[in-house]
C-alpha atoms as a PDB file:
ATOM      1  CA  UNK A   1      25.414 147.739  76.861  1.00  0.00           C
ATOM      2  CA  UNK A   2      26.965 146.487  73.640  1.00  0.00           C
ATOM      3  CA  UNK A   3      26.445 148.509  70.464  1.00  0.00           C
ATOM      4  CA  UNK A   4      26.558 145.386  68.275  1.00  0.00           C
ATOM      5  CA  UNK A   5      22.970 144.107  67.821  1.00  0.00           C
ATOM      6  CA  UNK A   6      24.320 140.605  67.096  1.00  0.00           C
ATOM      7  CA  UNK A   7      25.828 140.245  70.562  1.00  0.00           C
ATOM      8  CA  UNK A   8      23.663 139.817  73.643  1.00  0.00           C
ATOM      9  CA  UNK A   9      24.732 141.774  76.719  1.00  0.00           C
ATOM     10  CA  UNK A  10      25.367 138.591  78.698  1.00  0.00           C
ATOM     11  CA  UNK A  11      27.800 137.351  76.010  1.00  0.00           C
ATOM     12  CA  UNK A  12      30.153 140.335  76.238  1.00  0.00           C
ATOM     13  CA  UNK A  13      32.210 139.258  79.248  1.00  0.00           C
ATOM     14  CA  UNK A  14      32.488 135.793  80.689  1.00  0.00           C
ATOM     15  CA  UNK A  15      34.780 134.680  83.534  1.00  0.00           C
ATOM     16  CA  UNK A  16      37.841 132.751  82.403  1.00  0.00           C
ATOM     17  CA  UNK A  17      39.496 130.254  84.774  1.00  0.00           C
ATOM     18  CA  UNK A  18      42.956 131.256  85.966  1.00  0.00           C
ATOM     19  CA  UNK A  19      45.692 128.771  85.093  1.00  0.00           C
ATOM     20  CA  UNK A  20      47.141 129.144  88.581  1.00  0.00           C
ATOM     21  CA  UNK A  21      44.233 129.308  91.067  1.00  0.00           C
ATOM     22  CA  UNK A  22      41.461 127.969  88.771  1.00  0.00           C
ATOM     23  CA  UNK A  23      39.043 130.728  89.907  1.00  0.00           C
ATOM     24  CA  UNK A  24      36.984 132.410  87.209  1.00  0.00           C
ATOM     25  CA  UNK A  25      37.959 136.034  86.575  1.00  0.00           C
ATOM     26  CA  UNK A  26      36.899 138.718  84.112  1.00  0.00           C
ATOM     27  CA  UNK A  27      40.367 140.285  84.242  1.00  0.00           C
ATOM     28  CA  UNK A  28      42.809 137.711  82.909  1.00  0.00           C
ATOM     29  CA  UNK A  29      46.206 138.294  81.310  1.00  0.00           C
ATOM     30  CA  UNK A  30      47.896 135.429  79.491  1.00  0.00           C
ATOM     31  CA  UNK A  31      45.982 132.873  81.532  1.00  0.00           C
ATOM     32  CA  UNK A  32      46.410 134.408  84.987  1.00  0.00           C
ATOM     33  CA  UNK A  33      43.988 136.470  87.057  1.00  0.00           C
ATOM     34  CA  UNK A  34      45.047 139.793  88.526  1.00  0.00           C
ATOM     35  CA  UNK A  35      45.094 138.370  92.072  1.00  0.00           C
ATOM     36  CA  UNK A  36      47.604 135.681  91.071  1.00  0.00           C
ATOM     37  CA  UNK A  37      49.731 138.141  89.102  1.00  0.00           C
ATOM     38  CA  UNK A  38      49.919 140.373  92.187  1.00  0.00           C
ATOM     39  CA  UNK A  39      50.670 137.421  94.473  1.00  0.00           C
ATOM     40  CA  UNK A  40      53.455 136.218  92.192  1.00  0.00           C
ATOM     41  CA  UNK A  41      54.941 139.715  92.016  1.00  0.00           C
ATOM     42  CA  UNK A  42      54.891 140.159  95.783  1.00  0.00           C
ATOM     43  CA  UNK A  43      55.554 136.668  97.122  1.00  0.00           C
ATOM     44  CA  UNK A  44      56.855 134.408  94.351  1.00  0.00           C
ATOM     45  CA  UNK A  45      59.445 136.379  92.382  1.00  0.00           C
ATOM     46  CA  UNK A  46      60.814 133.449  90.361  1.00  0.00           C
ATOM     47  CA  UNK A  47      57.337 132.341  89.284  1.00  0.00           C
ATOM     48  CA  UNK A  48      56.527 135.955  88.347  1.00  0.00           C
ATOM     49  CA  UNK A  49      59.730 136.254  86.286  1.00  0.00           C
ATOM     50  CA  UNK A  50      58.860 133.045  84.436  1.00  0.00           C
ATOM     51  CA  UNK A  51      55.336 134.296  83.742  1.00  0.00           C
ATOM     52  CA  UNK A  52      56.690 137.651  82.506  1.00  0.00           C
ATOM     53  CA  UNK A  53      59.084 135.861  80.119  1.00  0.00           C
ATOM     54  CA  UNK A  54      56.197 133.753  78.766  1.00  0.00           C
ATOM     55  CA  UNK A  55      54.098 136.907  78.394  1.00  0.00           C
ATOM     56  CA  UNK A  56      56.896 138.631  76.454  1.00  0.00           C
ATOM     57  CA  UNK A  57      57.109 135.657  74.071  1.00  0.00           C
ATOM     58  CA  UNK A  58      53.342 135.763  73.480  1.00  0.00           C
ATOM     59  CA  UNK A  59      53.556 139.454  72.622  1.00  0.00           C
ATOM     60  CA  UNK A  60      56.576 138.950  70.333  1.00  0.00           C
ATOM     61  CA  UNK A  61      54.881 136.103  68.492  1.00  0.00           C
ATOM     62  CA  UNK A  62      51.747 138.175  67.955  1.00  0.00           C
ATOM     63  CA  UNK A  63      49.598 135.630  69.786  1.00  0.00           C
ATOM     64  CA  UNK A  64      48.795 138.244  72.437  1.00  0.00           C
ATOM     65  CA  UNK A  65      48.179 141.638  70.910  1.00  0.00           C
ATOM     66  CA  UNK A  66      46.205 143.389  73.622  1.00  0.00           C
ATOM     67  CA  UNK A  67      43.438 144.156  71.154  1.00  0.00           C
END
């Protein structure tokens, strides 16, 4: 339950489509769902390295703060 009376409970979390698999996911980091991040890390090392470099740039630029 959200403590903010201006936000309805069903507005707190909404699935976001993954840029890679297009499935909606509540856990999404820099456009990718956790399943795709794991798959890249285990099976597609070059794609994972590219994603990690893009993630680092987002953090450096301040566009992705984790807040």
